[in-house]
Protein backbone atom coordinates (compact mmCIF):
# COMPACT_ATOMS: atom_id res chain seq x y z
CA MET A 1 -0.65 16.58 44.20
CA ILE A 2 -2.76 15.27 41.30
CA SER A 3 -0.84 13.00 38.89
CA ARG A 4 -0.91 13.81 35.19
CA PHE A 5 -0.87 10.07 34.47
CA LYS A 6 -3.51 9.21 31.87
CA ILE A 7 -5.30 6.07 30.79
CA ILE A 8 -6.85 5.33 27.36
CA ASN A 9 -9.36 2.52 26.88
CA ASP A 10 -8.35 0.65 23.73
CA PRO A 11 -10.70 -1.97 22.22
CA VAL A 12 -7.79 -4.25 21.33
CA HIS A 13 -5.43 -4.08 24.33
CA GLY A 14 -7.69 -2.74 27.05
CA PHE A 15 -6.36 0.06 29.24
CA ILE A 16 -3.25 1.80 27.90
CA ASN A 17 -1.14 3.85 30.33
CA ILE A 18 0.09 7.22 29.01
CA PRO A 19 3.05 8.46 31.03
CA SER A 20 3.34 12.20 31.68
CA GLY A 21 6.00 14.42 30.16
CA THR A 22 7.33 14.07 26.62
CA VAL A 23 5.06 11.21 25.62
CA GLN A 24 1.91 13.14 26.49
CA GLU A 25 3.28 16.22 24.69
CA ILE A 26 3.78 14.17 21.52
CA ILE A 27 0.28 12.76 21.70
CA GLU A 28 -1.16 16.25 22.09
CA HIS A 29 0.90 17.65 19.20
CA PRO A 30 -1.12 18.57 16.05
CA TYR A 31 1.17 16.43 13.88
CA PHE A 32 0.29 13.34 15.90
CA GLN A 33 -3.42 14.23 16.30
CA ARG A 34 -3.61 14.47 12.47
CA LEU A 35 -3.33 10.67 12.42
CA ARG A 36 -6.80 10.50 13.88
CA ASP A 37 -8.15 11.35 10.41
CA ILE A 38 -5.99 8.89 8.46
CA LYS A 39 -7.35 5.37 8.25
CA GLN A 40 -4.92 2.60 9.04
CA LEU A 41 -6.19 0.39 6.17
CA GLY A 42 -7.26 2.96 3.53
CA PHE A 43 -9.87 1.46 1.24
CA THR A 44 -10.08 -1.90 3.06
CA ASN A 45 -13.43 -0.81 4.55
CA LEU A 46 -14.87 -1.22 1.03
CA VAL A 47 -14.45 -4.96 1.67
CA TYR A 48 -14.58 -5.14 5.48
CA PRO A 49 -16.89 -2.35 6.67
CA GLY A 50 -15.54 -2.40 10.21
CA ALA A 51 -11.95 -1.61 9.14
CA THR A 52 -12.16 2.14 9.70
CA HIS A 53 -9.66 2.42 12.60
CA SER A 54 -7.09 5.17 12.49
CA ARG A 55 -3.32 5.32 12.45
CA LEU A 56 -3.51 7.17 15.78
CA SER A 57 -5.08 4.18 17.50
CA HIS A 58 -2.40 1.91 16.00
CA ALA A 59 0.39 4.19 17.21
CA LEU A 60 -1.04 4.15 20.74
CA GLY A 61 -1.35 0.33 20.58
CA ALA A 62 2.26 -0.05 19.41
CA MET A 63 3.39 2.21 22.25
CA HIS A 64 1.49 -0.02 24.73
CA LEU A 65 3.26 -3.10 23.40
CA MET A 66 6.60 -1.32 23.68
CA GLN A 67 5.83 -0.70 27.37
CA GLU A 68 5.02 -4.40 27.79
CA ALA A 69 8.22 -5.47 26.03
CA ILE A 70 10.38 -3.18 28.17
CA VAL A 71 8.84 -4.61 31.36
CA VAL A 72 9.61 -8.17 30.18
CA LEU A 73 13.22 -7.31 29.18
CA ARG A 74 13.88 -5.60 32.52
CA LEU A 75 12.67 -8.66 34.41
CA LYS A 76 15.25 -10.69 32.44
CA GLY A 77 18.07 -8.40 33.55
CA ILE A 78 18.28 -6.17 30.44
CA GLU A 79 19.21 -2.67 31.49
CA ILE A 80 16.83 -0.03 30.12
CA ASP A 81 16.75 3.17 32.14
CA GLU A 82 13.82 5.61 32.34
CA VAL A 83 15.32 7.99 29.79
CA GLU A 84 15.73 5.17 27.25
CA GLU A 85 12.20 4.00 27.98
CA GLU A 86 10.71 7.41 27.31
CA ALA A 87 12.78 7.72 24.12
CA ALA A 88 11.66 4.28 22.86
CA LEU A 89 8.00 5.09 23.62
CA SER A 90 8.37 8.41 21.82
CA ALA A 91 9.98 6.80 18.78
CA ILE A 92 7.32 4.12 18.35
CA LEU A 93 4.54 6.75 18.84
CA MET A 94 5.94 8.72 15.91
CA HIS A 95 6.97 5.82 13.66
CA ASP A 96 3.98 6.39 11.32
CA ILE A 97 3.63 10.16 11.74
CA GLY A 98 4.81 10.70 8.15
CA HIS A 99 1.95 8.77 6.55
CA GLY A 100 -0.15 10.77 4.15
CA PRO A 101 -3.80 10.21 3.25
CA TYR A 102 -4.41 6.73 1.78
CA SER A 103 -0.64 6.46 2.17
CA HIS A 104 0.25 3.31 0.30
CA ALA A 105 -1.83 4.43 -2.74
CA LEU A 106 -0.68 8.06 -2.76
CA GLU A 107 2.79 7.73 -1.20
CA ASN A 108 4.55 8.51 -4.50
CA ASN A 109 1.74 10.58 -6.01
CA ILE A 110 2.00 13.51 -3.59
CA ILE A 111 5.82 13.70 -3.61
CA SER A 112 7.82 11.24 -5.71
CA GLY A 113 10.79 9.47 -4.28
CA VAL A 114 10.09 10.15 -0.60
CA SER A 115 8.97 7.34 1.69
CA HIS A 116 6.73 7.82 4.70
CA GLU A 117 9.66 6.80 6.90
CA GLU A 118 11.67 9.76 5.62
CA ILE A 119 8.76 12.08 6.19
CA SER A 120 8.30 10.68 9.70
CA LEU A 121 11.92 11.45 10.47
CA ALA A 122 11.58 14.98 9.12
CA LEU A 123 8.47 15.58 11.24
CA MET A 124 10.22 14.12 14.33
CA ARG A 125 12.98 16.68 13.85
CA GLU A 126 10.40 19.46 13.59
CA ILE A 127 8.73 18.35 16.82
CA ASN A 128 12.16 17.92 18.44
CA GLU A 129 12.98 21.55 17.64
CA SER A 130 9.85 22.68 19.44
CA LEU A 131 10.69 20.49 22.42
CA ASN A 132 14.24 21.88 22.68
CA GLY A 133 16.02 18.69 21.70
CA ARG A 134 14.21 16.30 24.04
CA LEU A 135 13.71 13.86 21.19
CA ASP A 136 17.40 13.50 20.30
CA LEU A 137 17.60 10.01 21.81
CA ALA A 138 14.23 8.95 20.32
CA ILE A 139 15.41 9.98 16.86
CA SER A 140 18.69 8.05 17.40
CA ILE A 141 16.74 4.92 18.35
CA PHE A 142 14.40 5.35 15.37
CA GLU A 143 17.35 5.73 12.94
CA GLY A 144 19.12 2.71 14.43
CA SER A 145 22.22 4.67 15.46
CA TYR A 146 21.82 4.25 19.22
CA GLU A 147 24.16 1.74 20.86
CA LYS A 148 21.32 -0.49 22.16
CA LYS A 149 20.39 -2.02 18.84
CA PHE A 150 17.53 -4.07 20.27
CA LEU A 151 15.50 -0.93 20.99
CA HIS A 152 15.53 -0.08 17.27
CA GLN A 153 14.61 -3.70 16.42
CA LEU A 154 11.55 -3.35 18.69
CA ILE A 155 10.45 -0.45 16.45
CA SER A 156 11.58 -1.69 13.04
CA GLY A 157 12.35 -5.38 12.57
CA GLN A 158 10.89 -8.68 11.48
CA LEU A 159 9.12 -9.07 14.80
CA ASP A 160 8.62 -5.52 16.06
CA VAL A 161 5.81 -4.10 18.17
CA ASP A 162 4.53 -2.22 15.09
CA ARG A 163 3.74 -5.49 13.29
CA LEU A 164 2.43 -7.15 16.41
CA ASP A 165 -0.07 -4.39 16.95
CA TYR A 166 -1.26 -3.89 13.41
CA LEU A 167 -1.84 -7.62 12.81
CA LYS A 168 -4.01 -7.98 15.88
CA ARG A 169 -5.70 -4.60 15.40
CA ASP A 170 -6.43 -5.10 11.69
CA SER A 171 -7.72 -8.60 12.40
CA PHE A 172 -9.99 -7.26 15.15
CA PHE A 173 -11.56 -4.49 13.09
CA SER A 174 -11.78 -6.37 9.79
CA GLY A 175 -13.15 -9.53 11.42
CA VAL A 176 -10.52 -11.66 9.63
CA ALA A 177 -9.65 -14.25 12.28
CA GLU A 178 -6.43 -15.34 10.56
CA GLY A 179 -4.61 -12.31 11.93
CA MET A 180 -5.26 -13.14 15.60
CA ILE A 181 -1.76 -13.87 16.87
CA GLY A 182 -0.47 -14.78 20.31
CA LEU A 183 1.35 -11.49 20.73
CA GLU A 184 1.30 -11.71 24.57
CA ARG A 185 3.33 -14.94 24.46
CA ILE A 186 5.71 -13.53 21.84
CA ILE A 187 6.40 -10.53 24.06
CA LYS A 188 6.87 -12.72 27.14
CA MET A 189 9.45 -14.79 25.18
CA MET A 190 11.52 -11.75 24.12
CA SER A 191 15.10 -11.41 25.31
CA VAL A 192 18.38 -9.84 24.23
CA ASP A 193 21.54 -11.65 23.13
CA HIS A 194 24.69 -9.71 22.13
CA ASN A 195 22.65 -6.55 21.80
CA ASN A 196 20.12 -8.17 19.45
CA LEU A 197 16.46 -8.93 20.08
CA VAL A 198 15.83 -12.68 20.27
CA ILE A 199 12.95 -15.02 21.07
CA GLU A 200 13.35 -17.80 23.59
CA GLU A 201 12.98 -21.31 22.11
CA LYS A 202 9.65 -21.90 23.93
CA GLY A 203 8.11 -19.15 21.78
CA ILE A 204 8.94 -20.61 18.37
CA TYR A 205 5.40 -21.86 17.70
CA SER A 206 3.97 -18.43 18.38
CA VAL A 207 6.51 -16.95 15.94
CA GLU A 208 5.53 -19.49 13.31
CA LYS A 209 1.87 -18.59 13.80
CA PHE A 210 2.84 -14.91 13.48
CA LEU A 211 4.58 -15.53 10.13
CA ILE A 212 1.65 -17.54 8.77
CA SER A 213 -0.90 -15.01 9.99
CA ARG A 214 0.97 -12.09 8.44
CA ARG A 215 1.12 -13.84 5.08
CA LEU A 216 -2.59 -14.71 5.15
CA MET A 217 -3.55 -11.21 6.17
CA TYR A 218 -1.72 -9.82 3.17
CA TRP A 219 -3.78 -11.87 0.72
CA GLN A 220 -7.05 -11.59 2.59
CA VAL A 221 -6.86 -7.95 3.70
CA TYR A 222 -3.93 -5.77 2.59
CA LEU A 223 -3.69 -7.12 -0.96
CA HIS A 224 -7.36 -7.99 -1.45
CA LYS A 225 -8.37 -7.61 -5.13
CA THR A 226 -11.00 -4.97 -4.29
CA VAL A 227 -8.50 -2.94 -2.24
CA ILE A 228 -5.94 -2.99 -5.06
CA ALA A 229 -8.63 -1.97 -7.59
CA ALA A 230 -9.71 0.97 -5.43
CA GLU A 231 -6.11 2.11 -4.94
CA GLN A 232 -5.47 1.94 -8.71
CA LEU A 233 -8.59 4.04 -9.26
CA LEU A 234 -7.40 6.62 -6.70
CA MET A 235 -4.02 6.87 -8.37
CA SER A 236 -5.68 7.40 -11.76
CA ILE A 237 -7.86 10.14 -10.24
CA PHE A 238 -4.84 11.98 -8.90
CA HIS A 239 -2.94 11.47 -12.13
CA ARG A 240 -5.78 13.09 -14.04
CA ALA A 241 -6.23 15.87 -11.47
CA ARG A 242 -2.52 16.72 -11.63
CA THR A 243 -2.62 16.76 -15.46
CA LEU A 244 -5.56 19.17 -15.40
CA SER A 245 -3.91 21.31 -12.74
CA LYS A 246 -0.75 21.65 -14.80
CA ALA A 247 -2.93 22.76 -17.71
CA ARG A 248 -4.22 25.58 -15.47
CA GLU A 249 -7.63 23.90 -15.09
CA GLU A 250 -9.26 25.09 -11.89
CA LEU A 251 -9.99 22.27 -9.43
CA PRO A 252 -11.86 22.68 -6.16
CA GLY A 253 -10.25 21.33 -3.03
CA SER A 254 -8.57 22.20 0.27
CA PRO A 255 -5.55 24.54 0.12
CA ALA A 256 -3.24 21.58 0.90
CA ILE A 257 -4.65 19.41 -1.94
CA CYS A 258 -4.39 22.30 -4.42
CA TYR A 259 -0.84 23.08 -3.24
CA PHE A 260 0.43 19.59 -4.01
CA LEU A 261 -1.49 19.22 -7.29
CA SER A 262 -0.19 22.47 -8.77
CA ARG A 263 3.52 22.01 -8.03
CA GLU A 264 6.32 19.62 -8.85
CA PHE A 265 8.31 18.31 -5.92
CA THR A 266 11.57 16.41 -5.40
CA PRO A 267 12.90 14.60 -2.34
CA GLU A 268 14.86 17.75 -1.55
CA SER A 269 11.62 19.72 -1.33
CA PHE A 270 10.96 18.17 2.04
CA SER A 271 13.87 20.04 3.53
CA THR A 272 11.74 23.21 3.43
CA LYS A 273 9.37 23.96 6.32
CA GLU A 274 6.65 25.21 3.95
CA VAL A 275 6.30 21.86 2.15
CA LEU A 276 6.41 19.95 5.45
CA GLU A 277 3.79 22.20 6.98
CA MET A 278 1.45 21.85 4.01
CA PHE A 279 1.89 18.09 4.10
CA THR A 280 0.72 17.98 7.72
CA ARG A 281 -2.52 19.62 6.64
CA LEU A 282 -3.41 16.62 4.49
CA ASP A 283 -5.57 13.74 5.69
CA ASP A 284 -8.22 11.36 4.29
CA THR A 285 -10.88 14.05 4.63
CA ASP A 286 -9.11 16.32 2.15
CA VAL A 287 -8.88 13.56 -0.46
CA MET A 288 -12.49 12.38 -0.25
CA SER A 289 -13.86 15.90 -0.04
CA ALA A 290 -11.98 16.80 -3.25
CA ILE A 291 -13.13 13.62 -5.02
CA LYS A 292 -16.77 14.29 -4.10
CA GLN A 293 -16.43 17.71 -5.74
CA TRP A 294 -14.43 16.51 -8.75
CA GLN A 295 -17.14 13.98 -9.68
CA TYR A 296 -19.15 16.98 -10.96
CA HIS A 297 -16.24 18.55 -12.84
CA ASN A 298 -16.68 19.38 -16.52
CA ASP A 299 -13.73 17.12 -17.43
CA SER A 300 -15.50 13.88 -18.32
CA VAL A 301 -12.52 11.64 -17.52
CA LEU A 302 -12.00 13.04 -14.01
CA SER A 303 -15.74 13.07 -13.34
CA LEU A 304 -16.14 9.44 -14.42
CA LEU A 305 -13.17 8.23 -12.39
CA CYS A 306 -14.43 9.98 -9.26
CA LYS A 307 -17.97 8.66 -9.64
CA MET A 308 -16.63 5.13 -9.96
CA LEU A 309 -15.00 5.53 -6.56
CA THR A 310 -17.77 7.35 -4.73
CA GLU A 311 -20.41 4.94 -6.07
CA ARG A 312 -18.16 1.90 -5.51
CA LYS A 313 -18.25 0.86 -9.14
CA LEU A 314 -14.72 -0.41 -9.00
CA PRO A 315 -12.56 -1.77 -11.80
CA LYS A 316 -12.29 -5.49 -12.51
CA LEU A 317 -8.94 -6.80 -11.32
CA ILE A 318 -7.21 -10.02 -12.46
CA LEU A 319 -4.36 -11.40 -10.34
CA SER A 320 -1.83 -13.74 -12.01
CA VAL A 321 1.43 -15.40 -11.01
CA GLU A 322 2.52 -14.95 -14.62
CA PRO A 323 3.26 -11.50 -16.11
CA ILE A 324 0.39 -9.90 -18.02
CA GLY A 325 1.00 -10.38 -21.73
CA GLU A 326 0.55 -7.74 -24.43
CA ALA A 327 -2.38 -9.66 -25.94
CA GLN A 328 -4.20 -9.79 -22.60
CA PHE A 329 -3.64 -6.08 -22.04
CA SER A 330 -4.74 -5.27 -25.57
CA ASP A 331 -7.95 -7.29 -25.10
CA ALA A 332 -8.73 -5.35 -21.93
CA CYS A 333 -8.21 -2.08 -23.76
CA ASN A 334 -10.50 -3.20 -26.56
CA ILE A 335 -13.27 -4.21 -24.13
CA PHE A 336 -13.02 -0.83 -22.43
CA ARG A 337 -12.98 0.93 -25.80
CA ASP A 338 -16.20 -0.82 -26.87
CA GLU A 339 -17.98 -0.08 -23.62
CA PHE A 340 -16.93 3.58 -23.83
CA ARG A 341 -18.22 3.89 -27.41
CA GLN A 342 -21.57 2.30 -26.48
CA ILE A 343 -22.11 4.71 -23.59
CA PHE A 344 -20.58 7.95 -24.89
CA GLY A 345 -20.93 7.48 -28.68
CA SER A 346 -17.26 8.07 -29.43
CA LEU A 347 -13.97 6.19 -29.20
CA PRO A 348 -11.58 7.07 -26.32
CA THR A 349 -8.00 8.09 -27.11
CA ASP A 350 -5.09 5.99 -25.90
CA ASP A 351 -4.38 8.68 -23.34
CA VAL A 352 -7.92 8.35 -21.91
CA ILE A 353 -7.68 4.53 -21.87
CA SER A 354 -4.48 4.75 -19.80
CA TYR A 355 -6.54 6.08 -16.87
CA PHE A 356 -8.96 3.18 -16.97
CA VAL A 357 -6.78 0.16 -17.88
CA THR A 358 -3.62 -0.31 -15.82
CA MET A 359 -1.11 -3.03 -14.97
CA GLY A 360 1.22 -3.64 -12.03
CA GLU A 361 2.47 -6.10 -9.48
CA VAL A 362 2.17 -6.73 -5.75
CA LEU A 363 4.53 -8.48 -3.33
CA ASN A 364 3.67 -10.60 -0.30
CA LYS A 365 6.72 -10.78 1.97
CA GLY A 366 5.86 -12.97 4.92
CA TYR A 367 9.47 -13.17 6.05
CA ASP A 368 12.31 -11.46 4.25
CA SER A 369 15.69 -12.19 5.78
CA ALA A 370 17.11 -9.20 3.90
CA GLU A 371 15.20 -7.02 6.36
CA GLY A 372 16.75 -8.81 9.33
CA GLU A 373 16.23 -12.19 10.96
CA ILE A 374 14.05 -13.53 13.74
CA LYS A 375 16.58 -15.16 16.04
CA ILE A 376 15.57 -18.03 18.30
CA ILE A 377 17.76 -18.67 21.34
CA ASN A 378 17.91 -22.09 23.02
CA LYS A 379 18.72 -23.04 26.61
CA GLU A 380 22.44 -23.36 25.76
CA GLY A 381 22.52 -19.76 24.51
CA THR A 382 22.87 -20.66 20.84
CA THR A 383 20.89 -18.54 18.40
CA ASN A 384 19.48 -19.57 14.99
CA ASP A 385 17.28 -17.99 12.37
CA VAL A 386 13.71 -19.25 12.83
CA TYR A 387 13.63 -20.12 9.14
CA THR A 388 16.44 -22.68 9.51
CA ILE A 389 15.18 -24.48 12.61
CA SER A 390 11.43 -24.46 12.14
CA ASP A 391 10.02 -27.98 11.79
CA MET A 392 6.70 -26.64 10.55
CA LEU A 393 6.48 -27.08 6.78
CA SER A 394 3.89 -24.32 6.34
CA ALA A 395 6.16 -21.80 8.09
CA LYS A 396 8.88 -22.46 5.51
CA ALA A 397 6.44 -22.33 2.61
CA PHE A 398 4.85 -19.12 3.86
CA SER A 399 8.21 -17.39 4.27
CA GLN A 400 8.79 -17.18 0.53
CA ILE A 401 8.32 -13.83 -1.20
CA THR A 402 5.44 -14.09 -3.67
CA LYS A 403 4.98 -11.74 -6.56
CA LYS A 404 1.68 -11.45 -8.40
CA HIS A 405 0.89 -9.41 -11.46
CA PHE A 406 -2.41 -7.66 -11.99
CA LEU A 407 -4.50 -6.20 -14.78
CA CYS A 408 -7.04 -3.60 -13.75
CA ARG A 409 -9.87 -2.55 -16.13
CA ALA A 410 -12.72 -0.16 -15.50
CA LYS A 411 -16.20 -1.66 -15.94
CA LEU A 412 -18.45 0.99 -17.51
CA LYS A 413 -21.26 -1.51 -17.96
CA GLN A 414 -21.96 -3.01 -14.56
């Protein structure tokens, strides 16, 4: 008898074992395969050209680390049966299945008030229906309602396999060495105490390195000024496209793009199969294909915004620890107004300026205890939050939540 056991060669972790049964069926499902065409880091490849890896590869990598963690926990006497293992692998595989194209930029532009986690859960339930309820336990683990709390913490926590994979994967493909963490040692040091995931005391330095690396990766990669500028530009493009669509202006694009531009949605909309099905037809290809067509649209604002993105003539972005003042914002508007007049021979309206000059804020949360704690267990069996026992000054400094404000202004004169 030939085994249906499969192996995938991953550039980050090496060979990944794909068990037969439910896990393989999830991987082969169209909802999961859609992640192949959604980039893990969105516009980060505008800064780091190698960062074009997909959310599918990240999901497979996170599943591999879940397998490694379960092996370690079993060796330490933690009971995890085969049914629970399959459910945990299924849950981590689908943890990002609800991401849309350029998800963090468009997450609230496609449907307001619905997070990708909520969409992931809705899609899990759809797949579960087609699998006759075989994902009931996986969904329970994903939601955190299953009795073995540590399985949920491996999927969603301060030190979960999701974060361990994306830090190492994003570092590998971007070439930013600061994200290279000792994830193998962290996994080897995992244990369970009173139903909670903990790290043995010997692994504290690897955890500190993880916290520092995550914070540095946010500033150098995820919240890079160029990436924020490109995301602001994308949001302006979709804002303008939606405004035109509401005014019955015909816009070219895939059926899925046109569907979401021409309608208003609420969180309750996602309870309908039609909306969910249309959402699963969206990926990065739809967005960039539409933008490439819209750059030749007769609406000058939409056309200009799209050309700025396709030609990489991105807005200038200023990051500040202090809030952007009215005078600073007004100066930016005046600079844009002058450049617009010099090029087009007329003054832009305030409505037009709002697409090209924007403000906002970004957060860098290296370690937020409100989202749970990383517990370190010593030889005596006592557990403490890593933040309280770390003797590494930089770990404490890097665990603070930092907010920065930004002013983004289009540069018409390069």
